Amino acid sequence: MIQRLVLILAAISVLGCTTVPVSTESRPDAYYSSVDLADPGGSLFSGDAAVLSDEAINTILTYEYSPPQLSRIALMPFGREAWSSWSEELSLATDEMKDGVIDKLKASPRVYDASYLPSILIPEKRTVPHLREAAARYQADLMIVYRSYCRSFDRYRVFAADKSRSFCGIEAILLDTRTGLVPFTSIASRTFDVVENDADTNFQETRLKAQLTATSQALADVSTEIVNFLARSD
């Protein structure tokens, strides 16, 4: 389904481009020799200790993180995906997009299982402690939480098909269930220019198809970056 949508949009696209994903860099070994572990220092603001003590912050910052050798990964979208409830075609295409991400993650030798967190386990309060609890109940070593965003810029024309430019991106974090650390983040975006297709119900459907395609490609970029991050730890 996604492949068919991609072909349709490719045929009507005026422009399709991508940006290089912006991702977290791994810490160099020199980092740990550059800090004084015996002298953590402290906050200049006494009220900060109500959230985390100076000692806890120092422990977190100097912790040398390494991902598990073999992991189950849970995925969870943060927010609602507008296109998934628009039509049966777009709903099926959304499922195919998710299957593609799972296949990409499971291709990594560091991942023995990857799947979307069942909706019944998604916490009402989506804070890090609640996300950790949900991941632990699912026995997921790592959790990918991502948020998609899209902006469309339309141009309506009297004697030609309407045009729309969709800019979509994915912002993702990798959460380690055991430590609560977020050792990796990645942001990727795609842009698509499209014109209205006679097969579409209306121009909103044209716009949503473009958004889904762009989001699918951006999510694939982020997944590749996460797989590369896990591979760097070998």
Protein backbone atom coordinates (compact mmCIF):
# COMPACT_ATOMS: atom_id res chain seq x y z
CA MET A 1 0.00 0.00 0.00
CA ILE A 2 2.75 2.47 0.95
CA GLN A 3 4.63 1.51 -2.21
CA ARG A 4 1.52 2.29 -4.29
CA LEU A 5 1.06 5.63 -2.55
CA VAL A 6 4.71 6.45 -3.12
CA LEU A 7 4.39 5.70 -6.83
CA ILE A 8 1.23 7.80 -7.11
CA LEU A 9 2.82 10.71 -5.30
CA ALA A 10 6.06 10.38 -7.22
CA ALA A 11 4.09 10.71 -10.43
CA ILE A 12 2.42 13.93 -9.29
CA SER A 13 5.22 15.40 -7.20
CA VAL A 14 6.98 18.49 -8.33
CA LEU A 15 9.57 18.31 -5.56
CA GLY A 16 10.59 15.72 -3.00
CA CYS A 17 13.53 16.26 -0.71
CA THR A 18 14.95 15.15 2.60
CA THR A 19 17.24 16.56 5.25
CA VAL A 20 20.07 14.65 6.84
CA PRO A 21 18.85 13.31 10.23
CA VAL A 22 20.14 15.24 13.23
CA SER A 23 21.11 12.64 15.81
CA THR A 24 22.95 12.36 19.10
CA GLU A 25 26.68 11.70 18.89
CA SER A 26 28.27 8.96 21.00
CA ARG A 27 30.47 10.18 23.86
CA PRO A 28 34.21 10.05 23.13
CA ASP A 29 36.44 8.17 25.55
CA ALA A 30 38.23 11.43 26.31
CA TYR A 31 35.08 12.75 27.97
CA TYR A 32 35.56 10.61 31.07
CA SER A 33 39.16 11.68 31.57
CA SER A 34 38.18 15.35 31.19
CA VAL A 35 35.88 15.44 34.23
CA ASP A 36 36.82 15.25 37.90
CA LEU A 37 34.70 12.41 39.25
CA ALA A 38 35.80 13.15 42.81
CA ASP A 39 34.65 16.78 42.64
CA PRO A 40 31.16 16.89 41.20
CA GLY A 41 30.62 20.54 42.08
CA GLY A 42 27.07 21.61 42.75
CA SER A 43 24.19 23.82 41.67
CA LEU A 44 24.30 27.52 42.51
CA PHE A 45 20.56 27.33 43.18
CA SER A 46 19.56 25.50 46.36
CA GLY A 47 16.02 24.86 45.12
CA ASP A 48 17.34 22.56 42.38
CA ALA A 49 17.90 19.81 44.96
CA ALA A 50 14.13 19.38 45.27
CA VAL A 51 14.18 17.57 41.93
CA LEU A 52 17.62 15.91 41.80
CA SER A 53 20.48 16.11 44.26
CA ASP A 54 23.89 17.29 43.08
CA GLU A 55 25.24 13.80 43.72
CA ALA A 56 22.53 12.18 41.60
CA ILE A 57 23.14 14.60 38.73
CA ASN A 58 26.87 13.89 38.87
CA THR A 59 26.23 10.14 38.80
CA ILE A 60 23.94 10.51 35.79
CA LEU A 61 26.34 12.74 33.84
CA THR A 62 29.40 10.57 34.45
CA TYR A 63 27.64 7.25 33.80
CA GLU A 64 29.23 5.46 30.87
CA TYR A 65 26.23 4.09 28.99
CA SER A 66 26.25 1.03 26.80
CA PRO A 67 23.04 -0.43 25.32
CA PRO A 68 22.13 -4.06 26.02
CA GLN A 69 23.79 -6.65 23.82
CA LEU A 70 20.37 -8.00 22.89
CA SER A 71 17.14 -6.04 23.28
CA ARG A 72 13.42 -6.05 22.87
CA ILE A 73 12.31 -2.64 21.61
CA ALA A 74 8.88 -1.16 22.18
CA LEU A 75 7.68 1.70 19.96
CA MET A 76 5.14 4.31 20.92
CA PRO A 77 3.88 7.27 18.86
CA PHE A 78 3.41 10.42 20.93
CA GLY A 79 0.15 11.97 19.77
CA ARG A 80 -2.49 11.14 17.18
CA GLU A 81 -1.78 10.28 13.55
CA ALA A 82 -4.46 12.19 11.61
CA TRP A 83 -4.28 10.14 8.42
CA SER A 84 -4.82 6.72 10.08
CA SER A 85 -8.54 7.40 10.69
CA TRP A 86 -9.26 9.19 7.39
CA SER A 87 -9.94 6.15 5.20
CA GLU A 88 -9.39 2.40 5.04
CA GLU A 89 -6.67 2.90 2.43
CA LEU A 90 -4.70 5.30 4.59
CA SER A 91 -5.25 3.14 7.69
CA LEU A 92 -3.76 0.12 5.89
CA ALA A 93 -0.90 2.27 4.61
CA THR A 94 -0.20 3.43 8.19
CA ASP A 95 -0.01 -0.20 9.34
CA GLU A 96 2.40 -0.96 6.50
CA MET A 97 4.57 1.99 7.51
CA LYS A 98 4.80 0.61 11.05
CA ASP A 99 5.59 -2.90 9.79
CA GLY A 100 8.45 -1.47 7.74
CA VAL A 101 9.94 0.21 10.81
CA ILE A 102 9.70 -3.00 12.83
CA ASP A 103 11.37 -5.01 10.07
CA LYS A 104 14.22 -2.48 9.90
CA LEU A 105 14.80 -2.68 13.67
CA LYS A 106 14.61 -6.48 13.80
CA ALA A 107 17.24 -6.69 11.06
CA SER A 108 19.77 -5.44 13.62
CA PRO A 109 21.75 -8.24 15.35
CA ARG A 110 21.30 -6.25 18.59
CA VAL A 111 17.50 -6.53 18.45
CA TYR A 112 15.72 -9.84 19.02
CA ASP A 113 12.22 -8.35 19.00
CA ALA A 114 10.53 -5.06 18.12
CA SER A 115 6.86 -4.18 18.26
CA TYR A 116 4.49 -1.35 19.05
CA LEU A 117 3.46 -1.02 22.67
CA PRO A 118 -0.12 -2.32 23.03
CA SER A 119 -2.52 0.58 23.47
CA ILE A 120 -3.79 -0.83 26.75
CA LEU A 121 -0.31 -0.31 28.23
CA ILE A 122 0.15 3.27 27.05
CA PRO A 123 0.16 5.37 30.25
CA GLU A 124 -2.25 8.25 30.69
CA LYS A 125 0.62 10.41 31.95
CA ARG A 126 3.37 10.14 29.37
CA THR A 127 6.24 11.16 31.61
CA VAL A 128 9.54 9.28 31.67
CA PRO A 129 8.75 7.37 34.93
CA HIS A 130 5.39 6.21 33.56
CA LEU A 131 6.93 5.25 30.20
CA ARG A 132 9.60 3.22 32.02
CA GLU A 133 6.92 1.36 33.96
CA ALA A 134 4.99 0.53 30.79
CA ALA A 135 8.17 -0.66 29.05
CA ALA A 136 9.14 -2.79 32.07
CA ARG A 137 5.73 -4.47 32.16
CA TYR A 138 6.21 -5.26 28.47
CA GLN A 139 9.73 -6.53 29.23
CA ALA A 140 11.14 -4.10 26.69
CA ASP A 141 14.77 -3.18 27.28
CA LEU A 142 14.47 -0.07 25.12
CA MET A 143 11.60 2.14 24.05
CA ILE A 144 11.40 4.40 21.02
CA VAL A 145 9.01 7.28 21.61
CA TYR A 146 8.42 9.44 18.56
CA ARG A 147 6.31 12.41 17.59
CA SER A 148 5.34 13.24 14.03
CA TYR A 149 4.58 16.76 12.87
CA CYS A 150 3.40 18.11 9.54
CA ARG A 151 2.79 21.50 8.04
CA SER A 152 1.07 22.03 4.72
CA PHE A 153 1.21 25.10 2.54
CA ASP A 154 -1.59 25.14 -0.03
CA ARG A 155 -1.96 27.01 -3.29
CA TYR A 156 -5.45 27.06 -4.79
CA ARG A 157 -5.70 27.76 -8.51
CA VAL A 158 -8.76 28.51 -10.68
CA PHE A 159 -7.74 26.94 -13.98
CA ALA A 160 -5.41 24.16 -12.76
CA ALA A 161 -5.24 21.51 -10.06
CA ASP A 162 -4.62 22.76 -6.55
CA LYS A 163 -1.10 22.34 -5.18
CA SER A 164 0.13 21.63 -1.66
CA ARG A 165 3.58 21.50 -0.11
CA SER A 166 3.80 19.22 2.92
CA PHE A 167 6.69 19.40 5.35
CA CYS A 168 6.73 16.45 7.76
CA GLY A 169 9.21 15.28 10.34
CA ILE A 170 9.85 12.76 13.08
CA GLU A 171 11.34 13.60 16.48
CA ALA A 172 12.35 10.44 18.35
CA ILE A 173 14.03 9.49 21.61
CA LEU A 174 15.49 6.15 22.68
CA LEU A 175 14.67 5.43 26.32
CA ASP A 176 16.65 2.83 28.27
CA THR A 177 14.17 1.09 30.59
CA ARG A 178 16.69 0.04 33.24
CA THR A 179 18.53 3.32 33.73
CA GLY A 180 15.93 5.85 32.65
CA LEU A 181 18.54 7.49 30.42
CA VAL A 182 17.83 8.85 26.96
CA PRO A 183 21.16 8.00 25.28
CA PHE A 184 20.05 8.75 21.74
CA THR A 185 17.75 11.16 19.93
CA SER A 186 17.12 11.76 16.25
CA ILE A 187 15.13 14.17 14.09
CA ALA A 188 14.47 13.70 10.38
CA SER A 189 12.18 15.52 7.95
CA ARG A 190 10.88 15.26 4.42
CA THR A 191 9.21 17.71 2.05
CA PHE A 192 6.74 16.89 -0.73
CA ASP A 193 5.05 19.08 -3.34
CA VAL A 194 1.88 17.52 -4.75
CA VAL A 195 -1.05 18.40 -7.00
CA GLU A 196 -4.60 17.17 -6.55
CA ASN A 197 -5.34 13.74 -8.02
CA ASP A 198 -8.69 12.95 -9.67
CA ALA A 199 -8.79 9.65 -7.77
CA ASP A 200 -8.77 11.46 -4.41
CA THR A 201 -12.04 12.18 -2.63
CA ASN A 202 -10.97 15.79 -2.07
CA PHE A 203 -7.87 17.90 -1.64
CA GLN A 204 -7.59 16.98 2.04
CA GLU A 205 -7.04 13.34 1.05
CA THR A 206 -4.33 14.42 -1.38
CA ARG A 207 -2.65 16.35 1.42
CA LEU A 208 -2.87 13.45 3.89
CA LYS A 209 -1.37 11.00 1.40
CA ALA A 210 1.58 13.31 0.92
CA GLN A 211 1.97 13.71 4.68
CA LEU A 212 1.86 9.96 5.26
CA THR A 213 4.47 9.31 2.59
CA ALA A 214 6.80 12.00 3.91
CA THR A 215 6.33 10.84 7.51
CA SER A 216 6.98 7.21 6.53
CA GLN A 217 10.27 8.16 4.89
CA ALA A 218 11.32 10.32 7.85
CA LEU A 219 10.52 7.52 10.31
CA ALA A 220 12.58 5.11 8.21
CA ASP A 221 15.50 7.57 8.40
CA VAL A 222 15.23 7.75 12.19
CA SER A 223 15.03 3.95 12.48
CA THR A 224 18.21 3.62 10.45
CA GLU A 225 19.96 6.08 12.77
CA ILE A 226 18.89 4.06 15.84
CA VAL A 227 20.14 0.82 14.28
CA ASN A 228 23.45 2.54 13.52
CA PHE A 229 23.67 3.76 17.13
CA LEU A 230 23.23 0.24 18.45
CA ALA A 231 25.84 -1.04 15.99
CA ARG A 232 28.39 1.54 17.18
CA SER A 233 28.25 -0.10 20.60
CA ASP A 234 29.55 -3.43 19.30
